[in-house]
C-alpha atoms as a PDB file:
ATOM      1  CA  MET A   1       5.557  21.078 -15.638  1.00  0.00           C
ATOM      2  CA  HIS A   2       5.018  24.815 -15.156  1.00  0.00           C
ATOM      3  CA  LYS A   3       4.409  26.131 -11.645  1.00  0.00           C
ATOM      4  CA  ALA A   4       0.879  27.265 -12.511  1.00  0.00           C
ATOM      5  CA  GLU A   5      -0.031  23.791 -13.732  1.00  0.00           C
ATOM      6  CA  HIS A   6       1.541  22.193 -10.667  1.00  0.00           C
ATOM      7  CA  ASP A   7      -0.366  24.558  -8.370  1.00  0.00           C
ATOM      8  CA  HIS A   8      -3.576  23.660 -10.198  1.00  0.00           C
ATOM      9  CA  VAL A   9      -3.025  19.958  -9.453  1.00  0.00           C
ATOM     10  CA  ILE A  10      -2.263  20.700  -5.803  1.00  0.00           C
ATOM     11  CA  ARG A  11      -5.499  22.681  -5.508  1.00  0.00           C
ATOM     12  CA  TRP A  12      -7.339  19.699  -7.017  1.00  0.00           C
ATOM     13  CA  LEU A  13      -5.836  17.373  -4.391  1.00  0.00           C
ATOM     14  CA  LEU A  14      -6.735  19.832  -1.634  1.00  0.00           C
ATOM     15  CA  GLU A  15     -10.427  19.831  -2.517  1.00  0.00           C
ATOM     16  CA  GLU A  16     -12.508  19.006   0.529  1.00  0.00           C
ATOM     17  CA  ASP A  17     -14.566  16.236  -1.068  1.00  0.00           C
ATOM     18  CA  GLU A  18     -11.859  13.644  -0.315  1.00  0.00           C
ATOM     19  CA  PRO A  19     -10.353  14.317   3.137  1.00  0.00           C
ATOM     20  CA  SER A  20      -7.789  11.478   2.983  1.00  0.00           C
ATOM     21  CA  VAL A  21      -6.155  12.923  -0.127  1.00  0.00           C
ATOM     22  CA  ARG A  22      -6.348  16.457   1.272  1.00  0.00           C
ATOM     23  CA  PHE A  23      -4.805  15.274   4.587  1.00  0.00           C
ATOM     24  CA  TYR A  24      -1.811  13.599   2.935  1.00  0.00           C
ATOM     25  CA  ALA A  25      -1.363  16.462   0.474  1.00  0.00           C
ATOM     26  CA  LEU A  26      -1.110  18.903   3.371  1.00  0.00           C
ATOM     27  CA  LEU A  27       1.379  16.709   5.249  1.00  0.00           C
ATOM     28  CA  ASP A  28       3.496  15.214   2.480  1.00  0.00           C
ATOM     29  CA  LEU A  29       3.336  17.727  -0.371  1.00  0.00           C
ATOM     30  CA  LEU A  30       3.022  21.008   1.514  1.00  0.00           C
ATOM     31  CA  ASP A  31       5.043  19.960   4.597  1.00  0.00           C
ATOM     32  CA  ARG A  32       2.415  21.051   7.096  1.00  0.00           C
ATOM     33  CA  ASP A  33       2.925  19.927  10.707  1.00  0.00           C
ATOM     34  CA  ALA A  34       0.665  17.273  12.194  1.00  0.00           C
ATOM     35  CA  ASP A  35      -0.557  19.779  14.807  1.00  0.00           C
ATOM     36  CA  ASP A  36      -1.508  22.362  12.188  1.00  0.00           C
ATOM     37  CA  PRO A  37      -5.216  23.244  12.791  1.00  0.00           C
ATOM     38  CA  GLU A  38      -6.069  22.701   9.111  1.00  0.00           C
ATOM     39  CA  VAL A  39      -4.430  19.263   9.189  1.00  0.00           C
ATOM     40  CA  ILE A  40      -6.279  18.318  12.371  1.00  0.00           C
ATOM     41  CA  GLN A  41      -9.612  19.473  10.959  1.00  0.00           C
ATOM     42  CA  THR A  42      -9.035  17.641   7.689  1.00  0.00           C
ATOM     43  CA  TYR A  43      -8.109  14.426   9.494  1.00  0.00           C
ATOM     44  CA  SER A  44     -11.295  14.601  11.560  1.00  0.00           C
ATOM     45  CA  ASN A  45     -13.290  14.655   8.313  1.00  0.00           C
ATOM     46  CA  ILE A  46     -11.852  11.384   6.966  1.00  0.00           C
ATOM     47  CA  SER A  47     -14.488   9.269   8.711  1.00  0.00           C
ATOM     48  CA  LYS A  48     -17.252  11.813   8.000  1.00  0.00           C
ATOM     49  CA  LYS A  49     -17.220  11.980   4.209  1.00  0.00           C
ATOM     50  CA  GLY A  50     -15.439  10.593   1.194  1.00  0.00           C
ATOM     51  CA  TRP A  51     -14.026   7.143   0.516  1.00  0.00           C
ATOM     52  CA  ALA A  52     -13.327   6.051   4.098  1.00  0.00           C
ATOM     53  CA  HIS A  53     -16.757   7.225   5.230  1.00  0.00           C
ATOM     54  CA  ASP A  54     -18.452   5.292   2.427  1.00  0.00           C
ATOM     55  CA  ILE A  55     -16.560   2.099   3.289  1.00  0.00           C
ATOM     56  CA  LEU A  56     -17.332   2.432   7.000  1.00  0.00           C
ATOM     57  CA  ASN A  57     -21.019   2.879   6.157  1.00  0.00           C
ATOM     58  CA  LEU A  58     -21.009  -0.644   4.688  1.00  0.00           C
ATOM     59  CA  GLN A  59     -19.537  -2.198   7.839  1.00  0.00           C
ATOM     60  CA  LYS A  60     -21.783  -4.645   9.675  1.00  0.00           C
ATOM     61  CA  PRO A  61     -22.501  -4.141  13.408  1.00  0.00           C
ATOM     62  CA  GLY A  62     -20.052  -6.957  14.204  1.00  0.00           C
ATOM     63  CA  GLY A  63     -17.168  -5.016  12.652  1.00  0.00           C
ATOM     64  CA  TYR A  64     -16.914  -7.005   9.408  1.00  0.00           C
ATOM     65  CA  TRP A  65     -17.892  -6.625   5.757  1.00  0.00           C
ATOM     66  CA  GLU A  66     -19.722  -9.191   3.603  1.00  0.00           C
ATOM     67  CA  SER A  67     -19.661 -12.218   5.936  1.00  0.00           C
ATOM     68  CA  ARG A  68     -18.382 -13.063   9.407  1.00  0.00           C
ATOM     69  CA  LYS A  69     -17.439 -16.534   8.142  1.00  0.00           C
ATOM     70  CA  SER A  70     -14.340 -15.229   6.369  1.00  0.00           C
ATOM     71  CA  LEU A  71     -12.258 -12.067   6.693  1.00  0.00           C
ATOM     72  CA  TYR A  72     -10.632 -12.897   3.355  1.00  0.00           C
ATOM     73  CA  ARG A  73     -13.449 -13.876   1.005  1.00  0.00           C
ATOM     74  CA  PRO A  74     -15.056 -12.759  -1.173  1.00  0.00           C
ATOM     75  CA  LYS A  75     -12.210 -10.942  -2.873  1.00  0.00           C
ATOM     76  CA  TYR A  76     -12.034  -7.910  -2.950  1.00  0.00           C
ATOM     77  CA  THR A  77     -14.860  -6.594  -0.811  1.00  0.00           C
ATOM     78  CA  SER A  78     -14.640  -8.585   2.429  1.00  0.00           C
ATOM     79  CA  THR A  79     -13.030  -7.403   5.662  1.00  0.00           C
ATOM     80  CA  ASN A  80      -9.365  -7.983   4.766  1.00  0.00           C
ATOM     81  CA  TRP A  81      -9.522  -5.842   1.639  1.00  0.00           C
ATOM     82  CA  ARG A  82     -11.572  -3.082   3.261  1.00  0.00           C
ATOM     83  CA  ALA A  83      -9.106  -2.975   6.154  1.00  0.00           C
ATOM     84  CA  LEU A  84      -6.129  -2.553   3.836  1.00  0.00           C
ATOM     85  CA  VAL A  85      -7.763   0.402   2.096  1.00  0.00           C
ATOM     86  CA  LEU A  86      -8.883   2.041   5.346  1.00  0.00           C
ATOM     87  CA  SER A  87      -5.332   1.793   6.698  1.00  0.00           C
ATOM     88  CA  ASP A  88      -4.064   3.492   3.530  1.00  0.00           C
ATOM     89  CA  LEU A  89      -6.625   6.265   3.904  1.00  0.00           C
ATOM     90  CA  GLY A  90      -5.282   7.242   7.310  1.00  0.00           C
ATOM     91  CA  LEU A  91      -7.741   5.859   9.834  1.00  0.00           C
ATOM     92  CA  THR A  92      -6.368   4.305  13.034  1.00  0.00           C
ATOM     93  CA  ALA A  93      -7.547   2.462  16.120  1.00  0.00           C
ATOM     94  CA  LYS A  94      -8.634   5.805  17.590  1.00  0.00           C
ATOM     95  CA  ASN A  95     -11.793   5.200  15.564  1.00  0.00           C
ATOM     96  CA  THR A  96     -14.291   2.869  17.288  1.00  0.00           C
ATOM     97  CA  LYS A  97     -15.228   1.064  14.065  1.00  0.00           C
ATOM     98  CA  ILE A  98     -11.577   0.480  13.237  1.00  0.00           C
ATOM     99  CA  ARG A  99     -10.949  -1.008  16.708  1.00  0.00           C
ATOM    100  CA  LYS A 100     -13.879  -3.364  16.261  1.00  0.00           C
ATOM    101  CA  MET A 101     -12.582  -4.412  12.837  1.00  0.00           C
ATOM    102  CA  ALA A 102      -9.017  -4.918  14.092  1.00  0.00           C
ATOM    103  CA  GLY A 103     -10.293  -7.059  16.928  1.00  0.00           C
ATOM    104  CA  LEU A 104     -11.536  -9.590  14.382  1.00  0.00           C
ATOM    105  CA  PHE A 105      -8.045 -10.012  12.927  1.00  0.00           C
ATOM    106  CA  PHE A 106      -6.544 -10.578  16.365  1.00  0.00           C
ATOM    107  CA  LYS A 107      -9.275 -13.074  17.207  1.00  0.00           C
ATOM    108  CA  ASP A 108      -9.404 -14.984  13.909  1.00  0.00           C
ATOM    109  CA  TRP A 109      -5.907 -14.690  12.421  1.00  0.00           C
ATOM    110  CA  LEU A 110      -3.520 -13.939  15.273  1.00  0.00           C
ATOM    111  CA  LYS A 111      -4.887 -16.094  18.079  1.00  0.00           C
ATOM    112  CA  LEU A 112      -2.132 -18.290  19.524  1.00  0.00           C
ATOM    113  CA  PRO A 113      -2.155 -21.216  19.099  1.00  0.00           C
ATOM    114  CA  SER A 114      -4.511 -21.649  16.180  1.00  0.00           C
ATOM    115  CA  ALA A 115      -4.668 -23.927  13.136  1.00  0.00           C
ATOM    116  CA  GLU A 116      -5.942 -20.936  11.156  1.00  0.00           C
ATOM    117  CA  ASN A 117      -3.136 -18.631  12.263  1.00  0.00           C
ATOM    118  CA  VAL A 118      -1.932 -16.181   9.620  1.00  0.00           C
ATOM    119  CA  PHE A 119       1.632 -17.015  10.731  1.00  0.00           C
ATOM    120  CA  ASN A 120       1.156 -20.268   8.839  1.00  0.00           C
ATOM    121  CA  ASP A 121      -0.201 -18.586   5.716  1.00  0.00           C
ATOM    122  CA  GLU A 122       1.595 -17.290   2.655  1.00  0.00           C
ATOM    123  CA  VAL A 123       3.973 -14.405   3.200  1.00  0.00           C
ATOM    124  CA  CYS A 124       1.998 -11.918   1.081  1.00  0.00           C
ATOM    125  CA  ILE A 125      -0.929 -12.180   3.528  1.00  0.00           C
ATOM    126  CA  VAL A 126       1.463 -11.857   6.458  1.00  0.00           C
ATOM    127  CA  GLY A 127       3.033  -8.737   4.943  1.00  0.00           C
ATOM    128  CA  ASN A 128      -0.308  -7.117   4.137  1.00  0.00           C
ATOM    129  CA  THR A 129      -1.587  -7.825   7.656  1.00  0.00           C
ATOM    130  CA  ALA A 130       1.580  -6.476   9.278  1.00  0.00           C
ATOM    131  CA  ARG A 131       1.413  -3.297   7.217  1.00  0.00           C
ATOM    132  CA  MET A 132      -2.285  -2.799   7.849  1.00  0.00           C
ATOM    133  CA  LEU A 133      -2.168  -3.344  11.627  1.00  0.00           C
ATOM    134  CA  THR A 134       0.942  -1.158  11.933  1.00  0.00           C
ATOM    135  CA  ARG A 135      -0.752   1.713  10.145  1.00  0.00           C
ATOM    136  CA  LEU A 136      -3.781   1.264  12.363  1.00  0.00           C
ATOM    137  CA  GLY A 137      -1.545   1.735  15.415  1.00  0.00           C
ATOM    138  CA  TYR A 138      -0.828  -1.803  16.628  1.00  0.00           C
ATOM    139  CA  GLN A 139       2.902  -1.969  15.840  1.00  0.00           C
ATOM    140  CA  ASP A 140       3.807  -2.616  19.491  1.00  0.00           C
ATOM    141  CA  ASP A 141       1.452  -5.583  19.906  1.00  0.00           C
ATOM    142  CA  PHE A 142       3.517  -8.769  20.349  1.00  0.00           C
ATOM    143  CA  ARG A 143       1.417 -10.576  17.743  1.00  0.00           C
ATOM    144  CA  VAL A 144       2.173  -7.908  15.154  1.00  0.00           C
ATOM    145  CA  ARG A 145       5.876  -8.097  16.032  1.00  0.00           C
ATOM    146  CA  LYS A 146       5.671 -11.831  15.327  1.00  0.00           C
ATOM    147  CA  LEU A 147       4.414 -11.009  11.847  1.00  0.00           C
ATOM    148  CA  PHE A 148       7.538  -8.929  11.247  1.00  0.00           C
ATOM    149  CA  ASP A 149       9.691 -11.770  12.570  1.00  0.00           C
ATOM    150  CA  ARG A 150       8.059 -14.064  10.021  1.00  0.00           C
ATOM    151  CA  LEU A 151       8.843 -11.617   7.196  1.00  0.00           C
ATOM    152  CA  VAL A 152      12.523 -11.599   8.146  1.00  0.00           C
ATOM    153  CA  GLU A 153      12.602 -15.396   8.373  1.00  0.00           C
ATOM    154  CA  ASP A 154      10.901 -15.900   4.993  1.00  0.00           C
ATOM    155  CA  GLN A 155      13.216 -13.629   3.014  1.00  0.00           C
ATOM    156  CA  LYS A 156      14.988 -15.531   0.243  1.00  0.00           C
ATOM    157  CA  GLU A 157      18.734 -15.772  -0.212  1.00  0.00           C
ATOM    158  CA  ASP A 158      18.560 -13.262  -3.075  1.00  0.00           C
ATOM    159  CA  GLY A 159      16.858 -10.689  -0.825  1.00  0.00           C
ATOM    160  CA  GLY A 160      13.352 -10.989  -2.253  1.00  0.00           C
ATOM    161  CA  TRP A 161      10.170 -12.701  -1.128  1.00  0.00           C
ATOM    162  CA  HIS A 162       7.793 -15.052  -2.897  1.00  0.00           C
ATOM    163  CA  CYS A 163       4.196 -15.835  -1.987  1.00  0.00           C
ATOM    164  CA  PHE A 164       4.430 -19.316  -3.499  1.00  0.00           C
ATOM    165  CA  GLU A 165       6.962 -22.137  -3.325  1.00  0.00           C
ATOM    166  CA  SER A 166      10.234 -20.835  -4.722  1.00  0.00           C
ATOM    167  CA  ASP A 167      13.927 -20.663  -3.908  1.00  0.00           C
ATOM    168  CA  SER A 168      14.125 -17.109  -5.221  1.00  0.00           C
ATOM    169  CA  GLY A 169      12.225 -13.868  -4.756  1.00  0.00           C
ATOM    170  CA  THR A 170      10.016 -11.992  -7.192  1.00  0.00           C
ATOM    171  CA  LEU A 171       9.027  -8.350  -7.626  1.00  0.00           C
ATOM    172  CA  ASP A 172       5.459  -9.551  -7.090  1.00  0.00           C
ATOM    173  CA  GLY A 173       6.384 -10.345  -3.480  1.00  0.00           C
ATOM    174  CA  TRP A 174       6.412  -6.699  -2.382  1.00  0.00           C
ATOM    175  CA  GLU A 175       4.341  -7.014   0.790  1.00  0.00           C
ATOM    176  CA  GLY A 176       7.243  -7.705   3.143  1.00  0.00           C
ATOM    177  CA  LEU A 177       9.216  -4.626   2.146  1.00  0.00           C
ATOM    178  CA  ALA A 178       6.051  -2.503   2.207  1.00  0.00           C
ATOM    179  CA  ALA A 179       5.349  -3.659   5.766  1.00  0.00           C
ATOM    180  CA  PHE A 180       8.855  -2.598   6.819  1.00  0.00           C
ATOM    181  CA  ALA A 181       8.302   0.787   5.154  1.00  0.00           C
ATOM    182  CA  ALA A 182       5.180   1.306   7.285  1.00  0.00           C
ATOM    183  CA  LEU A 183       7.107   0.588  10.489  1.00  0.00           C
ATOM    184  CA  PRO A 184       8.542   3.735  12.154  1.00  0.00           C
ATOM    185  CA  LYS A 185      12.340   3.824  12.079  1.00  0.00           C
ATOM    186  CA  SER A 186      12.457   3.727  15.871  1.00  0.00           C
ATOM    187  CA  LYS A 187      10.708   0.341  15.782  1.00  0.00           C
ATOM    188  CA  ARG A 188      13.058  -1.303  13.279  1.00  0.00           C
ATOM    189  CA  THR A 189      15.384  -3.842  14.854  1.00  0.00           C
ATOM    190  CA  ARG A 190      18.845  -4.611  13.457  1.00  0.00           C
ATOM    191  CA  ARG A 191      17.415  -7.747  11.836  1.00  0.00           C
ATOM    192  CA  ILE A 192      14.661  -5.738  10.179  1.00  0.00           C
ATOM    193  CA  GLN A 193      17.091  -3.058   8.984  1.00  0.00           C
ATOM    194  CA  SER A 194      19.319  -5.732   7.505  1.00  0.00           C
ATOM    195  CA  SER A 195      16.285  -7.282   5.809  1.00  0.00           C
ATOM    196  CA  ILE A 196      15.333  -3.868   4.400  1.00  0.00           C
ATOM    197  CA  GLU A 197      18.804  -3.376   2.945  1.00  0.00           C
ATOM    198  CA  ARG A 198      18.770  -6.789   1.279  1.00  0.00           C
ATOM    199  CA  GLY A 199      15.202  -6.310   0.044  1.00  0.00           C
ATOM    200  CA  THR A 200      15.798  -2.896  -1.484  1.00  0.00           C
ATOM    201  CA  GLU A 201      18.927  -4.184  -3.211  1.00  0.00           C
ATOM    202  CA  PHE A 202      16.805  -6.967  -4.752  1.00  0.00           C
ATOM    203  CA  TYR A 203      14.390  -4.392  -6.204  1.00  0.00           C
ATOM    204  CA  LEU A 204      17.054  -1.938  -7.305  1.00  0.00           C
ATOM    205  CA  GLU A 205      19.035  -4.613  -9.122  1.00  0.00           C
ATOM    206  CA  LYS A 206      15.899  -5.319 -11.160  1.00  0.00           C
ATOM    207  CA  ARG A 207      15.243  -1.587 -11.713  1.00  0.00           C
ATOM    208  CA  LEU A 208      11.809  -2.158 -10.086  1.00  0.00           C
ATOM    209  CA  TYR A 209      10.236  -3.655 -13.210  1.00  0.00           C
ATOM    210  CA  SER A 210      12.716  -5.897 -15.036  1.00  0.00           C
ATOM    211  CA  GLU A 211      12.333  -9.575 -14.193  1.00  0.00           C
ATOM    212  CA  GLY A 212      12.884 -12.321 -16.707  1.00  0.00           C
ATOM    213  CA  THR A 213      13.255 -11.914 -20.448  1.00  0.00           C
ATOM    214  CA  ARG A 214       9.751 -10.610 -21.211  1.00  0.00           C
ATOM    215  CA  GLU A 215       8.160  -7.339 -20.154  1.00  0.00           C
ATOM    216  CA  TYR A 216       5.122  -7.836 -17.918  1.00  0.00           C
ATOM    217  CA  THR A 217       2.719  -5.110 -19.047  1.00  0.00           C
ATOM    218  CA  PRO A 218       0.503  -4.891 -15.904  1.00  0.00           C
ATOM    219  CA  TRP A 219       3.561  -3.774 -13.926  1.00  0.00           C
ATOM    220  CA  LEU A 220       3.675  -0.660 -16.123  1.00  0.00           C
ATOM    221  CA  ARG A 221       0.034   0.218 -15.444  1.00  0.00           C
ATOM    222  CA  PHE A 222      -1.098   2.022 -12.281  1.00  0.00           C
ATOM    223  CA  HIS A 223      -3.782   0.569 -10.002  1.00  0.00           C
ATOM    224  CA  TYR A 224      -5.543   1.159  -6.706  1.00  0.00           C
ATOM    225  CA  PRO A 225      -6.435  -0.740  -4.599  1.00  0.00           C
ATOM    226  CA  ASN A 226      -3.407  -2.947  -5.214  1.00  0.00           C
ATOM    227  CA  HIS A 227      -4.539  -5.849  -3.008  1.00  0.00           C
ATOM    228  CA  TYR A 228      -1.537  -8.175  -3.458  1.00  0.00           C
ATOM    229  CA  TYR A 229      -0.619  -7.129  -7.017  1.00  0.00           C
ATOM    230  CA  TYR A 230       2.544  -5.269  -7.940  1.00  0.00           C
ATOM    231  CA  ASP A 231       3.263  -2.399 -10.317  1.00  0.00           C
ATOM    232  CA  ILE A 232       6.123   0.086 -10.538  1.00  0.00           C
ATOM    233  CA  LEU A 233       4.149   2.759  -8.672  1.00  0.00           C
ATOM    234  CA  VAL A 234       4.063   0.359  -5.722  1.00  0.00           C
ATOM    235  CA  GLY A 235       7.792  -0.252  -6.080  1.00  0.00           C
ATOM    236  CA  LEU A 236       8.676   3.423  -6.349  1.00  0.00           C
ATOM    237  CA  ASP A 237       6.513   4.326  -3.370  1.00  0.00           C
ATOM    238  CA  VAL A 238       8.092   1.685  -1.143  1.00  0.00           C
ATOM    239  CA  ILE A 239      11.697   2.211  -2.254  1.00  0.00           C
ATOM    240  CA  THR A 240      11.605   6.009  -1.993  1.00  0.00           C
ATOM    241  CA  SER A 241       9.795   5.952   1.363  1.00  0.00           C
ATOM    242  CA  LEU A 242      12.612   3.749   2.689  1.00  0.00           C
ATOM    243  CA  GLY A 243      15.146   6.429   1.723  1.00  0.00           C
ATOM    244  CA  TYR A 244      16.561   5.110  -1.542  1.00  0.00           C
ATOM    245  CA  ALA A 245      15.271   7.868  -3.816  1.00  0.00           C
ATOM    246  CA  ARG A 246      18.775   8.908  -4.904  1.00  0.00           C
ATOM    247  CA  ASP A 247      19.914   5.495  -6.090  1.00  0.00           C
ATOM    248  CA  LYS A 248      20.584   5.743  -9.833  1.00  0.00           C
ATOM    249  CA  ARG A 249      18.854   2.407 -10.419  1.00  0.00           C
ATOM    250  CA  VAL A 250      15.530   4.083  -9.555  1.00  0.00           C
ATOM    251  CA  ARG A 251      15.836   6.391 -12.574  1.00  0.00           C
ATOM    252  CA  PRO A 252      14.384   4.089 -15.280  1.00  0.00           C
ATOM    253  CA  ALA A 253      11.207   3.581 -13.244  1.00  0.00           C
ATOM    254  CA  LEU A 254      11.061   7.315 -12.494  1.00  0.00           C
ATOM    255  CA  GLU A 255      11.249   8.070 -16.214  1.00  0.00           C
ATOM    256  CA  ILE A 256       8.282   5.773 -16.814  1.00  0.00           C
ATOM    257  CA  LEU A 257       6.400   7.554 -14.028  1.00  0.00           C
ATOM    258  CA  LYS A 258       7.093  10.971 -15.563  1.00  0.00           C
ATOM    259  CA  LYS A 259       6.095   9.848 -19.059  1.00  0.00           C
ATOM    260  CA  LYS A 260       2.765   8.598 -17.772  1.00  0.00           C
ATOM    261  CA  ARG A 261       1.883  12.051 -16.451  1.00  0.00           C
ATOM    262  CA  GLN A 262      -0.983  13.590 -18.414  1.00  0.00           C
ATOM    263  CA  LYS A 263      -0.860  17.038 -20.020  1.00  0.00           C
ATOM    264  CA  ASP A 264      -3.018  18.439 -17.212  1.00  0.00           C
ATOM    265  CA  GLY A 265      -0.455  17.299 -14.630  1.00  0.00           C
ATOM    266  CA  THR A 266      -2.440  14.328 -13.286  1.00  0.00           C
ATOM    267  CA  TRP A 267      -1.987  10.584 -13.525  1.00  0.00           C
ATOM    268  CA  HIS A 268      -4.738   8.136 -14.468  1.00  0.00           C
ATOM    269  CA  LEU A 269      -6.031   5.057 -12.746  1.00  0.00           C
ATOM    270  CA  ASP A 270      -5.007   2.768 -15.605  1.00  0.00           C
ATOM    271  CA  LYS A 271      -6.721  -0.443 -14.561  1.00  0.00           C
ATOM    272  CA  ILE A 272      -8.752  -1.963 -11.745  1.00  0.00           C
ATOM    273  CA  HIS A 273      -7.518  -5.297 -10.414  1.00  0.00           C
ATOM    274  CA  PRO A 274      -7.477  -8.097 -11.269  1.00  0.00           C
ATOM    275  CA  ASP A 275      -5.299  -7.020 -14.200  1.00  0.00           C
ATOM    276  CA  LEU A 276      -3.539 -10.232 -15.190  1.00  0.00           C
ATOM    277  CA  GLY A 277      -1.601  -9.969 -18.418  1.00  0.00           C
ATOM    278  CA  ALA A 278       0.452 -12.483 -20.338  1.00  0.00           C
ATOM    279  CA  GLY A 279       3.231 -13.837 -18.170  1.00  0.00           C
ATOM    280  CA  ALA A 280       1.277 -13.954 -14.917  1.00  0.00           C
ATOM    281  CA  GLN A 281       2.324 -16.988 -12.926  1.00  0.00           C
ATOM    282  CA  TYR A 282      -1.136 -17.700 -11.537  1.00  0.00           C
ATOM    283  CA  ARG A 283      -4.837 -17.445 -12.268  1.00  0.00           C
ATOM    284  CA  LEU A 284      -7.724 -16.628  -9.957  1.00  0.00           C
ATOM    285  CA  ARG A 285      -9.571 -19.803  -9.104  1.00  0.00           C
ATOM    286  CA  ARG A 286     -12.698 -18.008  -7.933  1.00  0.00           C
ATOM    287  CA  LYS A 287     -14.687 -15.119  -9.278  1.00  0.00           C
ATOM    288  CA  VAL A 288     -13.880 -11.835  -7.531  1.00  0.00           C
ATOM    289  CA  LYS A 289     -15.867  -8.707  -6.746  1.00  0.00           C
ATOM    290  CA  ARG A 290     -13.939  -5.816  -8.248  1.00  0.00           C
ATOM    291  CA  PHE A 291     -13.665  -2.723  -6.120  1.00  0.00           C
ATOM    292  CA  ALA A 292     -12.195   0.709  -6.764  1.00  0.00           C
ATOM    293  CA  LEU A 293     -12.407   4.213  -5.331  1.00  0.00           C
ATOM    294  CA  GLU A 294     -12.136   5.949  -8.704  1.00  0.00           C
ATOM    295  CA  LYS A 295     -12.952   5.352 -12.352  1.00  0.00           C
ATOM    296  CA  GLU A 296     -10.647   3.355 -14.596  1.00  0.00           C
ATOM    297  CA  GLY A 297      -8.936   5.381 -17.317  1.00  0.00           C
ATOM    298  CA  LYS A 298      -9.691   8.722 -15.610  1.00  0.00           C
ATOM    299  CA  PRO A 299      -7.568  11.177 -13.597  1.00  0.00           C
ATOM    300  CA  SER A 300      -7.011   9.704 -10.151  1.00  0.00           C
ATOM    301  CA  LYS A 301      -6.462  11.724  -7.010  1.00  0.00           C
ATOM    302  CA  TRP A 302      -4.900   8.749  -5.232  1.00  0.00           C
ATOM    303  CA  ILE A 303      -2.521   7.841  -8.041  1.00  0.00           C
ATOM    304  CA  THR A 304      -1.591  11.512  -8.530  1.00  0.00           C
ATOM    305  CA  LEU A 305      -0.993  11.974  -4.792  1.00  0.00           C
ATOM    306  CA  THR A 306       1.235   8.895  -4.722  1.00  0.00           C
ATOM    307  CA  ALA A 307       3.187   9.979  -7.804  1.00  0.00           C
ATOM    308  CA  LEU A 308       3.788  13.480  -6.426  1.00  0.00           C
ATOM    309  CA  ARG A 309       4.892  12.051  -3.069  1.00  0.00           C
ATOM    310  CA  ILE A 310       7.478   9.951  -4.897  1.00  0.00           C
ATOM    311  CA  LEU A 311       8.764  12.851  -6.967  1.00  0.00           C
ATOM    312  CA  LYS A 312       8.974  15.093  -3.899  1.00  0.00           C
ATOM    313  CA  ARG A 313      11.075  12.506  -2.040  1.00  0.00           C
ATOM    314  CA  VAL A 314      13.451  12.512  -5.000  1.00  0.00           C
ATOM    315  CA  ASP A 315      13.576  16.320  -5.151  1.00  0.00           C
ATOM    316  CA  ASP A 316      14.049  16.690  -1.390  1.00  0.00           C
ATOM    317  CA  LEU A 317      17.256  14.639  -1.536  1.00  0.00           C
ATOM    318  CA  ARG A 318      18.863  16.707  -4.308  1.00  0.00           C
END
């Protein structure tokens, strides 16, 4: 990619219509400091316009989306799924609406003791919740720390995780490692660091996309939101953010990433979930409400931002 073309893509990501993308582009691609006035101003706009603003506008006065009866259903437009996206887009508990939303998770899912406690639920929900609440600024809360304890305890002997009954891990069980990646290094205990090392080795041994004898096509397509689905963009983002960008076993997935780059320097949003191809080990038992920030099959600012972040981590370690 020529410098002029690269600069054109950066200018596209820096457009002011989507403050979350602009904010992360300034920080992660242009290496601006967090106290840079332009960064501060851009961050303040995240809740005022763009994707995060539009999602917050749909929030009910009680802090939830869709129905107060369930934070999880309907998929993928109820509170759980909105919270995951908002945490990705950069909002934190400094925002009043975010605090009100987070309070529902602590009340409904993390109340001790409770028959409905998320600690008793499948590990993919635990990982997503840990990642989301950490990004929102609750990493020091003892209930969030318990979520991380659960992730360490549920790791399989082979280093992976699995959301269903299994003696071995699967690449689909990415939520635990992603939660660890969201946790600041200063907050990672020895047990967590050991879990990270075992988990990354599990992914690297499988080259981030090779599991079983048949290729699973949805893993080679890029999506957002990801919900609880996996693809190699998810794997690359997590593995490189944990500091393993130089491992030679990342290269096959990186080559796929580079080949999927369009002639104009962008990457497309390939599919909107659910994208269940042949070889999926489960089916959705209920109808879902599909949700996306961008149009399927078109250039995606979020996918392009993520891809460029990954490539920059690789370049920075050379």
